[in-house]
């Protein structure tokens, strides 16, 4: 089941999520909630997580919870991938650059 087309853009929620995650630059992170809101569905953070879990090829490690938490069960791999991109992780949470986000 796919979401209805977006107003104006004609793309589904899933397509918008894919596009947004693909556009995250190396060393950049976003939260599930930010992606959901920017894709037109505030409050659909879990849907973004499901999309990531069922996709191949997306830079999933660049998406974290609003608290900066890493993917449960994949914390070590998540931390390694973020570290390769210059981001620090402590206690299974990304350390937000310049304290830009709440933690």
Foldseek 3Di string as FASTA:
>chain_A
DWAAADPPPGHTLLVQLQVVQQPADQLAAEELQVSCVVSPHHPVSVVSVVSVVPDPDGPVLRYHHLQQAGDPPCLVVSQVSNVVSPWHDDPRGTDDPPPPGHD
